[in-house]
Amino acid sequence: MMALDSSVYISCSTGEIGVDVRAVAHPADSENVLRELGWYASWDYPRADKELQKRIAAWLEGRAPSAVSRSDR
């Protein structure tokens, strides 16, 4: 999930013995979050949420140039 203003990214999933939760402030500044979102946007899996993948790809493409990580340059 992403806050409407893109200020917070939250990811939740079930783990082997509980629930895994991550919350990241300013996700456009996190190389790990950007990498995970890029992976999901390009994931070729029949049951993947195609609309969500399109939205993630659009958000990644629309980031401000100052938010590009060093490894993306």
PDB file of N, CA and C in Angstrom:
ATOM      1  N   MET A   1       0.846  -1.174   0.000  1.00  0.00           N
ATOM      2  CA  MET A   1       0.000   0.000   0.000  1.00  0.00           C
ATOM      3  C   MET A   1       0.891   1.236   0.000  1.00  0.00           C
ATOM      4  N   MET A   2       0.391   2.269  -0.634  1.00  0.00           N
ATOM      5  CA  MET A   2       1.117   3.536  -0.669  1.00  0.00           C
ATOM      6  C   MET A   2       0.146   4.633  -0.261  1.00  0.00           C
ATOM      7  N   ALA A   3       0.617   5.536   0.573  1.00  0.00           N
ATOM      8  CA  ALA A   3      -0.208   6.685   0.936  1.00  0.00           C
ATOM      9  C   ALA A   3      -0.527   7.485  -0.309  1.00  0.00           C
ATOM     10  N   LEU A   4      -1.676   8.123  -0.337  1.00  0.00           N
ATOM     11  CA  LEU A   4      -2.088   8.884  -1.517  1.00  0.00           C
ATOM     12  C   LEU A   4      -1.085   9.960  -1.900  1.00  0.00           C
ATOM     13  N   ASP A   5      -0.380  10.512  -0.920  1.00  0.00           N
ATOM     14  CA  ASP A   5       0.614  11.534  -1.226  1.00  0.00           C
ATOM     15  C   ASP A   5       2.018  10.944  -1.405  1.00  0.00           C
ATOM     16  N   SER A   6       2.123   9.616  -1.465  1.00  0.00           N
ATOM     17  CA  SER A   6       3.393   8.888  -1.647  1.00  0.00           C
ATOM     18  C   SER A   6       4.379   9.070  -0.512  1.00  0.00           C
ATOM     19  N   SER A   7       3.906   9.481   0.663  1.00  0.00           N
ATOM     20  CA  SER A   7       4.816   9.734   1.775  1.00  0.00           C
ATOM     21  C   SER A   7       5.141   8.485   2.593  1.00  0.00           C
ATOM     22  N   VAL A   8       4.332   7.432   2.476  1.00  0.00           N
ATOM     23  CA  VAL A   8       4.543   6.208   3.248  1.00  0.00           C
ATOM     24  C   VAL A   8       4.198   5.004   2.385  1.00  0.00           C
ATOM     25  N   TYR A   9       5.037   3.974   2.480  1.00  0.00           N
ATOM     26  CA  TYR A   9       4.807   2.706   1.802  1.00  0.00           C
ATOM     27  C   TYR A   9       4.688   1.646   2.881  1.00  0.00           C
ATOM     28  N   ILE A  10       3.649   0.807   2.802  1.00  0.00           N
ATOM     29  CA  ILE A  10       3.445  -0.264   3.773  1.00  0.00           C
ATOM     30  C   ILE A  10       3.283  -1.570   3.010  1.00  0.00           C
ATOM     31  N   SER A  11       3.985  -2.585   3.473  1.00  0.00           N
ATOM     32  CA  SER A  11       3.904  -3.905   2.865  1.00  0.00           C
ATOM     33  C   SER A  11       3.605  -4.914   3.960  1.00  0.00           C
ATOM     34  N   CYS A  12       2.639  -5.794   3.730  1.00  0.00           N
ATOM     35  CA  CYS A  12       2.264  -6.813   4.707  1.00  0.00           C
ATOM     36  C   CYS A  12       2.130  -8.157   3.993  1.00  0.00           C
ATOM     37  N   SER A  13       2.572  -9.211   4.660  1.00  0.00           N
ATOM     38  CA  SER A  13       2.379 -10.558   4.124  1.00  0.00           C
ATOM     39  C   SER A  13       2.418 -11.542   5.279  1.00  0.00           C
ATOM     40  N   THR A  14       1.911 -12.739   5.025  1.00  0.00           N
ATOM     41  CA  THR A  14       1.964 -13.760   6.062  1.00  0.00           C
ATOM     42  C   THR A  14       3.307 -14.453   5.988  1.00  0.00           C
ATOM     43  N   GLY A  15       3.911 -14.641   7.128  1.00  0.00           N
ATOM     44  CA  GLY A  15       5.166 -15.369   7.232  1.00  0.00           C
ATOM     45  C   GLY A  15       4.891 -16.777   7.727  1.00  0.00           C
ATOM     46  N   GLU A  16       5.949 -17.517   8.048  1.00  0.00           N
ATOM     47  CA  GLU A  16       5.771 -18.883   8.507  1.00  0.00           C
ATOM     48  C   GLU A  16       5.099 -18.956   9.871  1.00  0.00           C
ATOM     49  N   ILE A  17       5.377 -17.976  10.734  1.00  0.00           N
ATOM     50  CA  ILE A  17       4.800 -18.044  12.076  1.00  0.00           C
ATOM     51  C   ILE A  17       4.052 -16.772  12.464  1.00  0.00           C
ATOM     52  N   GLY A  18       3.825 -15.887  11.536  1.00  0.00           N
ATOM     53  CA  GLY A  18       3.129 -14.644  11.868  1.00  0.00           C
ATOM     54  C   GLY A  18       2.938 -13.779  10.645  1.00  0.00           C
ATOM     55  N   VAL A  19       2.781 -12.499  10.903  1.00  0.00           N
ATOM     56  CA  VAL A  19       2.565 -11.533   9.846  1.00  0.00           C
ATOM     57  C   VAL A  19       3.794 -10.628   9.747  1.00  0.00           C
ATOM     58  N   ASP A  20       4.297 -10.448   8.531  1.00  0.00           N
ATOM     59  CA  ASP A  20       5.438  -9.565   8.289  1.00  0.00           C
ATOM     60  C   ASP A  20       4.896  -8.210   7.847  1.00  0.00           C
ATOM     61  N   VAL A  21       5.341  -7.141   8.510  1.00  0.00           N
ATOM     62  CA  VAL A  21       4.872  -5.794   8.192  1.00  0.00           C
ATOM     63  C   VAL A  21       6.085  -4.882   8.055  1.00  0.00           C
ATOM     64  N   ARG A  22       6.076  -4.074   6.981  1.00  0.00           N
ATOM     65  CA  ARG A  22       7.113  -3.053   6.790  1.00  0.00           C
ATOM     66  C   ARG A  22       6.432  -1.735   6.505  1.00  0.00           C
ATOM     67  N   ALA A  23       6.926  -0.691   7.113  1.00  0.00           N
ATOM     68  CA  ALA A  23       6.439   0.660   6.834  1.00  0.00           C
ATOM     69  C   ALA A  23       7.663   1.529   6.567  1.00  0.00           C
ATOM     70  N   VAL A  24       7.658   2.239   5.444  1.00  0.00           N
ATOM     71  CA  VAL A  24       8.806   3.063   5.055  1.00  0.00           C
ATOM     72  C   VAL A  24       8.324   4.474   4.746  1.00  0.00           C
ATOM     73  N   ALA A  25       8.890   5.432   5.459  1.00  0.00           N
ATOM     74  CA  ALA A  25       8.599   6.838   5.167  1.00  0.00           C
ATOM     75  C   ALA A  25       9.421   7.251   3.951  1.00  0.00           C
ATOM     76  N   HIS A  26       8.842   8.073   3.097  1.00  0.00           N
ATOM     77  CA  HIS A  26       9.510   8.588   1.905  1.00  0.00           C
ATOM     78  C   HIS A  26      10.088   7.457   1.044  1.00  0.00           C
ATOM     79  N   PRO A  27       9.230   6.565   0.540  1.00  0.00           N
ATOM     80  CA  PRO A  27       9.712   5.401  -0.211  1.00  0.00           C
ATOM     81  C   PRO A  27      10.503   5.747  -1.472  1.00  0.00           C
ATOM     82  N   ALA A  28      10.301   6.918  -2.034  1.00  0.00           N
ATOM     83  CA  ALA A  28      11.059   7.293  -3.234  1.00  0.00           C
ATOM     84  C   ALA A  28      12.538   7.466  -2.933  1.00  0.00           C
ATOM     85  N   ASP A  29      12.893   7.565  -1.644  1.00  0.00           N
ATOM     86  CA  ASP A  29      14.294   7.705  -1.241  1.00  0.00           C
ATOM     87  C   ASP A  29      14.918   6.373  -0.843  1.00  0.00           C
ATOM     88  N   SER A  30      14.165   5.285  -0.905  1.00  0.00           N
ATOM     89  CA  SER A  30      14.653   3.979  -0.472  1.00  0.00           C
ATOM     90  C   SER A  30      14.951   3.086  -1.672  1.00  0.00           C
ATOM     91  N   GLU A  31      16.219   2.761  -1.868  1.00  0.00           N
ATOM     92  CA  GLU A  31      16.597   1.890  -2.985  1.00  0.00           C
ATOM     93  C   GLU A  31      15.939   0.523  -2.861  1.00  0.00           C
ATOM     94  N   ASN A  32      15.789   0.019  -1.628  1.00  0.00           N
ATOM     95  CA  ASN A  32      15.171  -1.291  -1.441  1.00  0.00           C
ATOM     96  C   ASN A  32      13.702  -1.279  -1.855  1.00  0.00           C
ATOM     97  N   VAL A  33      12.976  -0.248  -1.480  1.00  0.00           N
ATOM     98  CA  VAL A  33      11.563  -0.151  -1.860  1.00  0.00           C
ATOM     99  C   VAL A  33      11.444   0.014  -3.363  1.00  0.00           C
ATOM    100  N   LEU A  34      12.266   0.860  -3.956  1.00  0.00           N
ATOM    101  CA  LEU A  34      12.222   1.068  -5.405  1.00  0.00           C
ATOM    102  C   LEU A  34      12.526  -0.230  -6.153  1.00  0.00           C
ATOM    103  N   ARG A  35      13.483  -1.001  -5.646  1.00  0.00           N
ATOM    104  CA  ARG A  35      13.827  -2.280  -6.263  1.00  0.00           C
ATOM    105  C   ARG A  35      12.647  -3.250  -6.164  1.00  0.00           C
ATOM    106  N   GLU A  36      12.017  -3.326  -4.989  1.00  0.00           N
ATOM    107  CA  GLU A  36      10.878  -4.226  -4.795  1.00  0.00           C
ATOM    108  C   GLU A  36       9.696  -3.829  -5.690  1.00  0.00           C
ATOM    109  N   LEU A  37       9.417  -2.537  -5.755  1.00  0.00           N
ATOM    110  CA  LEU A  37       8.315  -2.081  -6.603  1.00  0.00           C
ATOM    111  C   LEU A  37       8.610  -2.333  -8.084  1.00  0.00           C
ATOM    112  N   GLY A  38       9.844  -2.119  -8.490  1.00  0.00           N
ATOM    113  CA  GLY A  38      10.230  -2.395  -9.873  1.00  0.00           C
ATOM    114  C   GLY A  38      10.088  -3.867 -10.212  1.00  0.00           C
ATOM    115  N   TRP A  39      10.479  -4.718  -9.263  1.00  0.00           N
ATOM    116  CA  TRP A  39      10.329  -6.157  -9.467  1.00  0.00           C
ATOM    117  C   TRP A  39       8.853  -6.519  -9.620  1.00  0.00           C
ATOM    118  N   TYR A  40       8.011  -6.004  -8.736  1.00  0.00           N
ATOM    119  CA  TYR A  40       6.589  -6.351  -8.806  1.00  0.00           C
ATOM    120  C   TYR A  40       5.958  -5.815 -10.095  1.00  0.00           C
ATOM    121  N   ALA A  41       6.331  -4.617 -10.495  1.00  0.00           N
ATOM    122  CA  ALA A  41       5.750  -4.026 -11.708  1.00  0.00           C
ATOM    123  C   ALA A  41       6.063  -4.862 -12.947  1.00  0.00           C
ATOM    124  N   SER A  42       7.187  -5.570 -12.948  1.00  0.00           N
ATOM    125  CA  SER A  42       7.572  -6.355 -14.122  1.00  0.00           C
ATOM    126  C   SER A  42       7.397  -7.864 -13.913  1.00  0.00           C
ATOM    127  N   TRP A  43       6.792  -8.255 -12.796  1.00  0.00           N
ATOM    128  CA  TRP A  43       6.613  -9.672 -12.474  1.00  0.00           C
ATOM    129  C   TRP A  43       5.696 -10.328 -13.491  1.00  0.00           C
ATOM    130  N   ASP A  44       6.160 -11.352 -14.147  1.00  0.00           N
ATOM    131  CA  ASP A  44       5.378 -12.070 -15.151  1.00  0.00           C
ATOM    132  C   ASP A  44       4.756 -13.302 -14.499  1.00  0.00           C
ATOM    133  N   TYR A  45       3.616 -13.101 -13.867  1.00  0.00           N
ATOM    134  CA  TYR A  45       2.906 -14.161 -13.164  1.00  0.00           C
ATOM    135  C   TYR A  45       1.427 -14.023 -13.507  1.00  0.00           C
ATOM    136  N   PRO A  46       0.780 -15.104 -13.945  1.00  0.00           N
ATOM    137  CA  PRO A  46      -0.610 -15.006 -14.390  1.00  0.00           C
ATOM    138  C   PRO A  46      -1.576 -14.437 -13.355  1.00  0.00           C
ATOM    139  N   ARG A  47      -1.320 -14.656 -12.064  1.00  0.00           N
ATOM    140  CA  ARG A  47      -2.246 -14.187 -11.037  1.00  0.00           C
ATOM    141  C   ARG A  47      -1.850 -12.834 -10.441  1.00  0.00           C
ATOM    142  N   ALA A  48      -0.826 -12.207 -11.013  1.00  0.00           N
ATOM    143  CA  ALA A  48      -0.416 -10.877 -10.535  1.00  0.00           C
ATOM    144  C   ALA A  48      -1.517  -9.866 -10.857  1.00  0.00           C
ATOM    145  N   ASP A  49      -1.642  -8.864 -10.026  1.00  0.00           N
ATOM    146  CA  ASP A  49      -2.639  -7.805 -10.214  1.00  0.00           C
ATOM    147  C   ASP A  49      -2.113  -6.848 -11.291  1.00  0.00           C
ATOM    148  N   LYS A  50      -2.603  -7.017 -12.515  1.00  0.00           N
ATOM    149  CA  LYS A  50      -2.098  -6.239 -13.649  1.00  0.00           C
ATOM    150  C   LYS A  50      -2.357  -4.740 -13.486  1.00  0.00           C
ATOM    151  N   GLU A  51      -3.508  -4.378 -12.928  1.00  0.00           N
ATOM    152  CA  GLU A  51      -3.802  -2.959 -12.711  1.00  0.00           C
ATOM    153  C   GLU A  51      -2.823  -2.360 -11.701  1.00  0.00           C
ATOM    154  N   LEU A  52      -2.545  -3.085 -10.636  1.00  0.00           N
ATOM    155  CA  LEU A  52      -1.578  -2.611  -9.645  1.00  0.00           C
ATOM    156  C   LEU A  52      -0.201  -2.482 -10.279  1.00  0.00           C
ATOM    157  N   GLN A  53       0.174  -3.433 -11.112  1.00  0.00           N
ATOM    158  CA  GLN A  53       1.466  -3.358 -11.786  1.00  0.00           C
ATOM    159  C   GLN A  53       1.562  -2.104 -12.651  1.00  0.00           C
ATOM    160  N   LYS A  54       0.489  -1.768 -13.353  1.00  0.00           N
ATOM    161  CA  LYS A  54       0.475  -0.551 -14.176  1.00  0.00           C
ATOM    162  C   LYS A  54       0.610   0.700 -13.315  1.00  0.00           C
ATOM    163  N   ARG A  55      -0.086   0.726 -12.187  1.00  0.00           N
ATOM    164  CA  ARG A  55      -0.021   1.895 -11.300  1.00  0.00           C
ATOM    165  C   ARG A  55       1.373   2.061 -10.698  1.00  0.00           C
ATOM    166  N   ILE A  56       1.973   0.952 -10.309  1.00  0.00           N
ATOM    167  CA  ILE A  56       3.332   1.014  -9.756  1.00  0.00           C
ATOM    168  C   ILE A  56       4.302   1.522 -10.820  1.00  0.00           C
ATOM    169  N   ALA A  57       4.193   0.982 -12.034  1.00  0.00           N
ATOM    170  CA  ALA A  57       5.086   1.411 -13.121  1.00  0.00           C
ATOM    171  C   ALA A  57       4.925   2.904 -13.392  1.00  0.00           C
ATOM    172  N   ALA A  58       3.688   3.389 -13.381  1.00  0.00           N
ATOM    173  CA  ALA A  58       3.448   4.821 -13.615  1.00  0.00           C
ATOM    174  C   ALA A  58       4.052   5.654 -12.493  1.00  0.00           C
ATOM    175  N   TRP A  59       3.921   5.196 -11.255  1.00  0.00           N
ATOM    176  CA  TRP A  59       4.490   5.942 -10.124  1.00  0.00           C
ATOM    177  C   TRP A  59       6.007   5.974 -10.234  1.00  0.00           C
ATOM    178  N   LEU A  60       6.610   4.831 -10.575  1.00  0.00           N
ATOM    179  CA  LEU A  60       8.067   4.788 -10.706  1.00  0.00           C
ATOM    180  C   LEU A  60       8.547   5.719 -11.817  1.00  0.00           C
ATOM    181  N   GLU A  61       7.836   5.753 -12.926  1.00  0.00           N
ATOM    182  CA  GLU A  61       8.220   6.618 -14.042  1.00  0.00           C
ATOM    183  C   GLU A  61       8.016   8.095 -13.718  1.00  0.00           C
ATOM    184  N   GLY A  62       7.060   8.394 -12.838  1.00  0.00           N
ATOM    185  CA  GLY A  62       6.734   9.782 -12.540  1.00  0.00           C
ATOM    186  C   GLY A  62       7.495  10.386 -11.384  1.00  0.00           C
ATOM    187  N   ARG A  63       8.436   9.620 -10.811  1.00  0.00           N
ATOM    188  CA  ARG A  63       9.208  10.164  -9.687  1.00  0.00           C
ATOM    189  C   ARG A  63      10.010  11.372 -10.127  1.00  0.00           C
ATOM    190  N   ALA A  64      10.204  12.288  -9.207  1.00  0.00           N
ATOM    191  CA  ALA A  64      11.021  13.473  -9.485  1.00  0.00           C
ATOM    192  C   ALA A  64      12.461  13.039  -9.745  1.00  0.00           C
ATOM    193  N   PRO A  65      13.177  13.729 -10.630  1.00  0.00           N
ATOM    194  CA  PRO A  65      14.573  13.365 -10.918  1.00  0.00           C
ATOM    195  C   PRO A  65      15.449  13.327  -9.674  1.00  0.00           C
ATOM    196  N   SER A  66      15.160  14.143  -8.679  1.00  0.00           N
ATOM    197  CA  SER A  66      15.982  14.158  -7.469  1.00  0.00           C
ATOM    198  C   SER A  66      15.800  12.902  -6.648  1.00  0.00           C
ATOM    199  N   ALA A  67      14.732  12.132  -6.911  1.00  0.00           N
ATOM    200  CA  ALA A  67      14.471  10.907  -6.152  1.00  0.00           C
ATOM    201  C   ALA A  67      15.159   9.691  -6.755  1.00  0.00           C
ATOM    202  N   VAL A  68      15.813   9.870  -7.908  1.00  0.00           N
ATOM    203  CA  VAL A  68      16.492   8.749  -8.535  1.00  0.00           C
ATOM    204  C   VAL A  68      17.707   8.369  -7.706  1.00  0.00           C
ATOM    205  N   SER A  69      17.818   7.087  -7.409  1.00  0.00           N
ATOM    206  CA  SER A  69      18.937   6.639  -6.577  1.00  0.00           C
ATOM    207  C   SER A  69      20.234   6.645  -7.374  1.00  0.00           C
ATOM    208  N   ARG A  70      21.342   6.565  -6.674  1.00  0.00           N
ATOM    209  CA  ARG A  70      22.637   6.568  -7.330  1.00  0.00           C
ATOM    210  C   ARG A  70      22.775   5.404  -8.293  1.00  0.00           C
ATOM    211  N   SER A  71      22.219   4.229  -7.938  1.00  0.00           N
ATOM    212  CA  SER A  71      22.360   3.053  -8.788  1.00  0.00           C
ATOM    213  C   SER A  71      21.509   3.161 -10.046  1.00  0.00           C
ATOM    214  N   ASP A  72      20.501   4.055 -10.066  1.00  0.00           N
ATOM    215  CA  ASP A  72      19.655   4.219 -11.238  1.00  0.00           C
ATOM    216  C   ASP A  72      20.277   5.161 -12.264  1.00  0.00           C
ATOM    217  N   ARG A  73      21.304   5.885 -11.905  1.00  0.00           N
ATOM    218  CA  ARG A  73      21.890   6.898 -12.799  1.00  0.00           C
ATOM    219  C   ARG A  73      22.838   6.289 -13.786  1.00  0.00           C
TER     220      ARG A  73
END
